[in-house]
Amino acid sequence: MRLFKSYSGNVGSVRLEGARAFLRPPCERDWRPYAEIRAASRNFLEPWEPTWPADALSRDAFYRRLARYSNDWQNDTGYSMFVFGQEGSALLGGISLSNVRRGVAQTGTLGYWIGEAYANQGYMREGVSLLLGFCFGELALHRVEAACLPKNTASRRLLLASGFSEDGFARKYLKIRGVWQDHLLFSLLSEDHQSTLSRRPGA
């Protein structure tokens, strides 16, 4: 992974490079690709997400989202990026660290989505790896948390493959599609992440 410039500088200058994918913060020109991939993947994504508002894919809603992302970056409360393929720079999905807590916690919550056409091809696993490097390196976090629906086997498999530990079960943890639903809880510590990196070939 190569990090271009510090997150504390110009948000738009941050870019995390992987072998097949790269991450960068979204910008205004991403609205149309975002709307297109989300629309094409709607049936694939909706079972795992909060209820989509009526204007979820509109340009105005996207620009409001950008303003919120920028505010989160500036206040060190969240870091949202899009995942792009290295070949052709197509938008593949999104990944974020939200609810960042400093002080004695030094933690944040991982979230992600990927377009149906790019699912189960290893792109999001690489995206998660890139963001975790950013979390434990540039942001100096101690812990990253995640959660998924018990029936979301693809998400559970991704988290375990990324080094997360399954910590427990939370009843009616998040409202998904308008219904409070149970979730599995996961976490990854900075020392666990470093240990995982040291075991990789060539480390």
C-alpha atoms as a PDB file:
ATOM      1  CA  MET A   1       0.000   0.000   0.000  1.00  0.00           C
ATOM      2  CA  ARG A   2       1.193   3.515  -0.796  1.00  0.00           C
ATOM      3  CA  LEU A   3      -0.401   6.536   0.895  1.00  0.00           C
ATOM      4  CA  PHE A   4      -0.181   9.766  -1.080  1.00  0.00           C
ATOM      5  CA  LYS A   5       0.037  12.735   1.313  1.00  0.00           C
ATOM      6  CA  SER A   6      -1.404  12.891   4.790  1.00  0.00           C
ATOM      7  CA  TYR A   7      -5.111  12.736   5.562  1.00  0.00           C
ATOM      8  CA  SER A   8      -4.629  15.880   7.617  1.00  0.00           C
ATOM      9  CA  GLY A   9      -3.980  17.851   4.438  1.00  0.00           C
ATOM     10  CA  ASN A  10      -6.239  18.149   1.406  1.00  0.00           C
ATOM     11  CA  VAL A  11      -8.796  15.337   1.623  1.00  0.00           C
ATOM     12  CA  GLY A  12      -8.872  15.003  -2.156  1.00  0.00           C
ATOM     13  CA  SER A  13      -5.152  14.204  -2.231  1.00  0.00           C
ATOM     14  CA  VAL A  14      -5.554  10.957  -0.267  1.00  0.00           C
ATOM     15  CA  ARG A  15      -5.262   7.831  -2.374  1.00  0.00           C
ATOM     16  CA  LEU A  16      -4.561   4.304  -1.141  1.00  0.00           C
ATOM     17  CA  GLU A  17      -3.064   2.016  -3.787  1.00  0.00           C
ATOM     18  CA  GLY A  18      -3.448  -1.761  -4.020  1.00  0.00           C
ATOM     19  CA  ALA A  19      -2.592  -4.319  -6.672  1.00  0.00           C
ATOM     20  CA  ARG A  20      -6.065  -4.516  -8.259  1.00  0.00           C
ATOM     21  CA  ALA A  21      -7.925  -1.649  -6.607  1.00  0.00           C
ATOM     22  CA  PHE A  22      -7.393   1.775  -5.101  1.00  0.00           C
ATOM     23  CA  LEU A  23      -9.308   3.919  -2.636  1.00  0.00           C
ATOM     24  CA  ARG A  24      -9.920   7.659  -2.643  1.00  0.00           C
ATOM     25  CA  PRO A  25     -12.507  10.000  -1.151  1.00  0.00           C
ATOM     26  CA  PRO A  26     -15.538  10.550  -3.424  1.00  0.00           C
ATOM     27  CA  CYS A  27     -15.908  13.822  -5.315  1.00  0.00           C
ATOM     28  CA  GLU A  28     -18.588  15.562  -7.404  1.00  0.00           C
ATOM     29  CA  ARG A  29     -17.654  13.837 -10.661  1.00  0.00           C
ATOM     30  CA  ASP A  30     -18.425  10.451  -9.063  1.00  0.00           C
ATOM     31  CA  TRP A  31     -22.168  11.110  -8.842  1.00  0.00           C
ATOM     32  CA  ARG A  32     -23.175   9.503 -12.143  1.00  0.00           C
ATOM     33  CA  PRO A  33     -21.043   6.331 -11.733  1.00  0.00           C
ATOM     34  CA  TYR A  34     -22.293   6.087  -8.149  1.00  0.00           C
ATOM     35  CA  ALA A  35     -25.929   6.417  -9.166  1.00  0.00           C
ATOM     36  CA  GLU A  36     -25.511   3.902 -11.992  1.00  0.00           C
ATOM     37  CA  ILE A  37     -23.801   1.170  -9.971  1.00  0.00           C
ATOM     38  CA  ARG A  38     -26.160   1.567  -7.011  1.00  0.00           C
ATOM     39  CA  ALA A  39     -29.212   1.474  -9.292  1.00  0.00           C
ATOM     40  CA  ALA A  40     -27.953  -1.631 -11.091  1.00  0.00           C
ATOM     41  CA  SER A  41     -27.208  -3.301  -7.735  1.00  0.00           C
ATOM     42  CA  ARG A  42     -30.290  -2.180  -5.822  1.00  0.00           C
ATOM     43  CA  ASN A  43     -31.849  -5.616  -5.327  1.00  0.00           C
ATOM     44  CA  PHE A  44     -28.444  -6.976  -4.330  1.00  0.00           C
ATOM     45  CA  LEU A  45     -27.722  -4.243  -1.762  1.00  0.00           C
ATOM     46  CA  GLU A  46     -31.073  -3.381  -0.185  1.00  0.00           C
ATOM     47  CA  PRO A  47     -31.393  -6.498   2.041  1.00  0.00           C
ATOM     48  CA  TRP A  48     -28.268  -5.422   3.977  1.00  0.00           C
ATOM     49  CA  GLU A  49     -28.737  -1.645   4.224  1.00  0.00           C
ATOM     50  CA  PRO A  50     -30.953   0.954   5.905  1.00  0.00           C
ATOM     51  CA  THR A  51     -34.047   1.919   3.920  1.00  0.00           C
ATOM     52  CA  TRP A  52     -33.108   3.944   0.843  1.00  0.00           C
ATOM     53  CA  PRO A  53     -34.741   7.416   0.787  1.00  0.00           C
ATOM     54  CA  ALA A  54     -36.799   8.323  -2.278  1.00  0.00           C
ATOM     55  CA  ASP A  55     -33.996  10.531  -3.634  1.00  0.00           C
ATOM     56  CA  ALA A  56     -31.150   8.161  -2.722  1.00  0.00           C
ATOM     57  CA  LEU A  57     -29.546   8.342  -6.174  1.00  0.00           C
ATOM     58  CA  SER A  58     -30.192  11.998  -6.991  1.00  0.00           C
ATOM     59  CA  ARG A  59     -27.348  14.449  -7.548  1.00  0.00           C
ATOM     60  CA  ASP A  60     -28.528  16.686  -4.692  1.00  0.00           C
ATOM     61  CA  ALA A  61     -28.548  13.748  -2.266  1.00  0.00           C
ATOM     62  CA  PHE A  62     -25.066  12.761  -3.409  1.00  0.00           C
ATOM     63  CA  TYR A  63     -23.746  16.291  -2.900  1.00  0.00           C
ATOM     64  CA  ARG A  64     -25.246  16.339   0.609  1.00  0.00           C
ATOM     65  CA  ARG A  65     -23.465  13.077   1.242  1.00  0.00           C
ATOM     66  CA  LEU A  66     -20.176  14.629   0.079  1.00  0.00           C
ATOM     67  CA  ALA A  67     -20.654  17.559   2.462  1.00  0.00           C
ATOM     68  CA  ARG A  68     -21.208  15.168   5.352  1.00  0.00           C
ATOM     69  CA  TYR A  69     -18.152  13.121   4.387  1.00  0.00           C
ATOM     70  CA  SER A  70     -16.006  16.261   4.237  1.00  0.00           C
ATOM     71  CA  ASN A  71     -17.238  17.390   7.642  1.00  0.00           C
ATOM     72  CA  ASP A  72     -16.472  13.964   9.109  1.00  0.00           C
ATOM     73  CA  TRP A  73     -12.926  14.049   7.718  1.00  0.00           C
ATOM     74  CA  GLN A  74     -12.247  17.516   9.049  1.00  0.00           C
ATOM     75  CA  ASN A  75     -13.586  16.614  12.506  1.00  0.00           C
ATOM     76  CA  ASP A  76     -11.831  13.214  12.650  1.00  0.00           C
ATOM     77  CA  THR A  77     -15.151  11.414  13.149  1.00  0.00           C
ATOM     78  CA  GLY A  78     -15.309   9.414   9.899  1.00  0.00           C
ATOM     79  CA  TYR A  79     -13.417   8.555   6.735  1.00  0.00           C
ATOM     80  CA  SER A  80     -15.358   7.499   3.629  1.00  0.00           C
ATOM     81  CA  MET A  81     -13.789   6.340   0.385  1.00  0.00           C
ATOM     82  CA  PHE A  82     -14.803   4.759  -2.890  1.00  0.00           C
ATOM     83  CA  VAL A  83     -13.209   1.592  -4.251  1.00  0.00           C
ATOM     84  CA  PHE A  84     -12.015   1.734  -7.855  1.00  0.00           C
ATOM     85  CA  GLY A  85     -10.498  -0.916 -10.105  1.00  0.00           C
ATOM     86  CA  GLN A  86      -6.925  -0.271 -11.182  1.00  0.00           C
ATOM     87  CA  GLU A  87      -7.819  -1.390 -14.679  1.00  0.00           C
ATOM     88  CA  GLY A  88     -10.088   1.262 -16.192  1.00  0.00           C
ATOM     89  CA  SER A  89     -10.671   3.063 -12.861  1.00  0.00           C
ATOM     90  CA  ALA A  90     -14.281   1.839 -12.703  1.00  0.00           C
ATOM     91  CA  LEU A  91     -16.181   2.541  -9.491  1.00  0.00           C
ATOM     92  CA  LEU A  92     -16.653  -0.805  -7.726  1.00  0.00           C
ATOM     93  CA  GLY A  93     -18.078   0.097  -4.323  1.00  0.00           C
ATOM     94  CA  GLY A  94     -17.605   2.083  -1.140  1.00  0.00           C
ATOM     95  CA  ILE A  95     -15.886   1.612   2.197  1.00  0.00           C
ATOM     96  CA  SER A  96     -15.923   3.739   5.315  1.00  0.00           C
ATOM     97  CA  LEU A  97     -14.759   4.149   8.861  1.00  0.00           C
ATOM     98  CA  SER A  98     -17.474   5.848  10.910  1.00  0.00           C
ATOM     99  CA  ASN A  99     -18.131   6.749  14.540  1.00  0.00           C
ATOM    100  CA  VAL A 100     -14.448   7.350  15.289  1.00  0.00           C
ATOM    101  CA  ARG A 101     -13.880   7.706  19.032  1.00  0.00           C
ATOM    102  CA  ARG A 102     -10.640   9.037  20.452  1.00  0.00           C
ATOM    103  CA  GLY A 103      -9.626   9.385  24.111  1.00  0.00           C
ATOM    104  CA  VAL A 104      -9.405   6.032  25.850  1.00  0.00           C
ATOM    105  CA  ALA A 105     -11.186   4.198  22.989  1.00  0.00           C
ATOM    106  CA  GLN A 106      -9.199   4.961  19.801  1.00  0.00           C
ATOM    107  CA  THR A 107     -11.672   3.011  17.686  1.00  0.00           C
ATOM    108  CA  GLY A 108     -14.036   3.259  14.728  1.00  0.00           C
ATOM    109  CA  THR A 109     -16.624   1.200  12.854  1.00  0.00           C
ATOM    110  CA  LEU A 110     -16.027  -0.360   9.437  1.00  0.00           C
ATOM    111  CA  GLY A 111     -18.724  -0.403   6.744  1.00  0.00           C
ATOM    112  CA  TYR A 112     -18.689  -1.305   3.053  1.00  0.00           C
ATOM    113  CA  TRP A 113     -20.744  -2.081  -0.046  1.00  0.00           C
ATOM    114  CA  ILE A 114     -19.850  -3.382  -3.494  1.00  0.00           C
ATOM    115  CA  GLY A 115     -21.658  -3.415  -6.820  1.00  0.00           C
ATOM    116  CA  GLU A 116     -23.231  -6.750  -7.704  1.00  0.00           C
ATOM    117  CA  ALA A 117     -21.120  -7.131 -10.861  1.00  0.00           C
ATOM    118  CA  TYR A 118     -17.915  -6.986  -8.783  1.00  0.00           C
ATOM    119  CA  ALA A 119     -18.921  -9.120  -5.805  1.00  0.00           C
ATOM    120  CA  ASN A 120     -16.946 -12.228  -4.812  1.00  0.00           C
ATOM    121  CA  GLN A 121     -13.928 -11.229  -6.901  1.00  0.00           C
ATOM    122  CA  GLY A 122     -11.579 -10.150  -4.118  1.00  0.00           C
ATOM    123  CA  TYR A 123     -11.934  -6.399  -4.669  1.00  0.00           C
ATOM    124  CA  MET A 124     -13.547  -5.646  -1.328  1.00  0.00           C
ATOM    125  CA  ARG A 125     -11.071  -7.787   0.554  1.00  0.00           C
ATOM    126  CA  GLU A 126      -8.289  -5.684  -0.935  1.00  0.00           C
ATOM    127  CA  GLY A 127     -10.254  -2.526  -0.156  1.00  0.00           C
ATOM    128  CA  VAL A 128     -10.684  -3.578   3.483  1.00  0.00           C
ATOM    129  CA  SER A 129      -6.955  -4.323   3.711  1.00  0.00           C
ATOM    130  CA  LEU A 130      -6.103  -0.868   2.362  1.00  0.00           C
ATOM    131  CA  LEU A 131      -8.449   0.901   4.744  1.00  0.00           C
ATOM    132  CA  LEU A 132      -7.196  -1.094   7.727  1.00  0.00           C
ATOM    133  CA  GLY A 133      -3.648  -0.026   6.903  1.00  0.00           C
ATOM    134  CA  PHE A 134      -4.878   3.575   6.929  1.00  0.00           C
ATOM    135  CA  CYS A 135      -6.749   3.057  10.223  1.00  0.00           C
ATOM    136  CA  PHE A 136      -3.879   1.501  12.144  1.00  0.00           C
ATOM    137  CA  GLY A 137      -1.156   3.536  10.459  1.00  0.00           C
ATOM    138  CA  GLU A 138      -2.161   7.063   9.556  1.00  0.00           C
ATOM    139  CA  LEU A 139      -5.048   7.312  12.046  1.00  0.00           C
ATOM    140  CA  ALA A 140      -3.214   5.400  14.809  1.00  0.00           C
ATOM    141  CA  LEU A 141      -6.358   3.586  15.976  1.00  0.00           C
ATOM    142  CA  HIS A 142      -6.213   0.714  18.445  1.00  0.00           C
ATOM    143  CA  ARG A 143      -9.389  -1.102  17.387  1.00  0.00           C
ATOM    144  CA  VAL A 144     -11.700  -1.362  14.373  1.00  0.00           C
ATOM    145  CA  GLU A 145     -15.192  -2.769  14.866  1.00  0.00           C
ATOM    146  CA  ALA A 146     -17.684  -4.215  12.369  1.00  0.00           C
ATOM    147  CA  ALA A 147     -21.085  -5.893  12.360  1.00  0.00           C
ATOM    148  CA  CYS A 148     -23.148  -7.909   9.902  1.00  0.00           C
ATOM    149  CA  LEU A 149     -26.467  -9.685   9.747  1.00  0.00           C
ATOM    150  CA  PRO A 150     -26.156 -13.356  10.755  1.00  0.00           C
ATOM    151  CA  LYS A 151     -27.451 -14.453   7.340  1.00  0.00           C
ATOM    152  CA  ASN A 152     -24.919 -12.309   5.454  1.00  0.00           C
ATOM    153  CA  THR A 153     -22.429 -15.124   4.965  1.00  0.00           C
ATOM    154  CA  ALA A 154     -20.368 -13.195   2.397  1.00  0.00           C
ATOM    155  CA  SER A 155     -19.763 -10.314   4.815  1.00  0.00           C
ATOM    156  CA  ARG A 156     -18.926 -12.655   7.704  1.00  0.00           C
ATOM    157  CA  ARG A 157     -16.480 -14.530   5.480  1.00  0.00           C
ATOM    158  CA  LEU A 158     -14.850 -11.257   4.389  1.00  0.00           C
ATOM    159  CA  LEU A 159     -14.366 -10.050   7.956  1.00  0.00           C
ATOM    160  CA  LEU A 160     -12.879 -13.327   9.161  1.00  0.00           C
ATOM    161  CA  ALA A 161     -10.562 -13.486   6.144  1.00  0.00           C
ATOM    162  CA  SER A 162      -9.443  -9.923   6.948  1.00  0.00           C
ATOM    163  CA  GLY A 163      -8.333 -10.957  10.434  1.00  0.00           C
ATOM    164  CA  PHE A 164     -11.366  -9.896  12.480  1.00  0.00           C
ATOM    165  CA  SER A 165     -12.488 -11.884  15.502  1.00  0.00           C
ATOM    166  CA  GLU A 166     -16.166 -12.682  15.991  1.00  0.00           C
ATOM    167  CA  ASP A 167     -16.915 -11.222  19.423  1.00  0.00           C
ATOM    168  CA  GLY A 168     -20.587 -11.863  19.989  1.00  0.00           C
ATOM    169  CA  PHE A 169     -24.211 -11.235  19.132  1.00  0.00           C
ATOM    170  CA  ALA A 170     -26.207  -8.024  19.543  1.00  0.00           C
ATOM    171  CA  ARG A 171     -30.009  -8.156  19.590  1.00  0.00           C
ATOM    172  CA  LYS A 172     -31.818  -5.644  17.375  1.00  0.00           C
ATOM    173  CA  TYR A 173     -28.545  -3.784  16.865  1.00  0.00           C
ATOM    174  CA  LEU A 174     -29.262  -1.797  13.666  1.00  0.00           C
ATOM    175  CA  LYS A 175     -32.377  -0.856  11.712  1.00  0.00           C
ATOM    176  CA  ILE A 176     -32.118  -2.529   8.286  1.00  0.00           C
ATOM    177  CA  ARG A 177     -34.871  -1.951   5.720  1.00  0.00           C
ATOM    178  CA  GLY A 178     -36.964  -0.364   8.459  1.00  0.00           C
ATOM    179  CA  VAL A 179     -36.684  -3.253  10.931  1.00  0.00           C
ATOM    180  CA  TRP A 180     -34.427  -3.540  13.997  1.00  0.00           C
ATOM    181  CA  GLN A 181     -32.306  -6.605  13.307  1.00  0.00           C
ATOM    182  CA  ASP A 182     -29.841  -8.779  15.222  1.00  0.00           C
ATOM    183  CA  HIS A 183     -26.175  -8.568  14.219  1.00  0.00           C
ATOM    184  CA  LEU A 184     -22.919 -10.447  14.696  1.00  0.00           C
ATOM    185  CA  LEU A 185     -20.162  -8.269  16.178  1.00  0.00           C
ATOM    186  CA  PHE A 186     -16.509  -8.315  15.100  1.00  0.00           C
ATOM    187  CA  SER A 187     -13.305  -6.515  16.032  1.00  0.00           C
ATOM    188  CA  LEU A 188      -9.679  -6.228  14.957  1.00  0.00           C
ATOM    189  CA  LEU A 189      -6.920  -4.797  17.171  1.00  0.00           C
ATOM    190  CA  SER A 190      -3.843  -3.001  15.911  1.00  0.00           C
ATOM    191  CA  GLU A 191      -1.554  -5.709  17.314  1.00  0.00           C
ATOM    192  CA  ASP A 192      -3.644  -8.427  15.628  1.00  0.00           C
ATOM    193  CA  HIS A 193      -3.393  -6.583  12.337  1.00  0.00           C
ATOM    194  CA  GLN A 194       0.375  -6.227  12.659  1.00  0.00           C
ATOM    195  CA  SER A 195       0.691  -9.911  13.490  1.00  0.00           C
ATOM    196  CA  THR A 196      -1.349 -10.821  10.412  1.00  0.00           C
ATOM    197  CA  LEU A 197       0.883  -8.662   8.203  1.00  0.00           C
ATOM    198  CA  SER A 198       4.057 -10.229   9.612  1.00  0.00           C
ATOM    199  CA  ARG A 199       2.815 -13.720   8.702  1.00  0.00           C
ATOM    200  CA  ARG A 200       2.238 -12.858   5.031  1.00  0.00           C
ATOM    201  CA  PRO A 201       4.770 -14.163   2.496  1.00  0.00           C
ATOM    202  CA  GLY A 202       7.542 -11.656   1.886  1.00  0.00           C
ATOM    203  CA  ALA A 203       6.837  -9.706   5.099  1.00  0.00           C
END
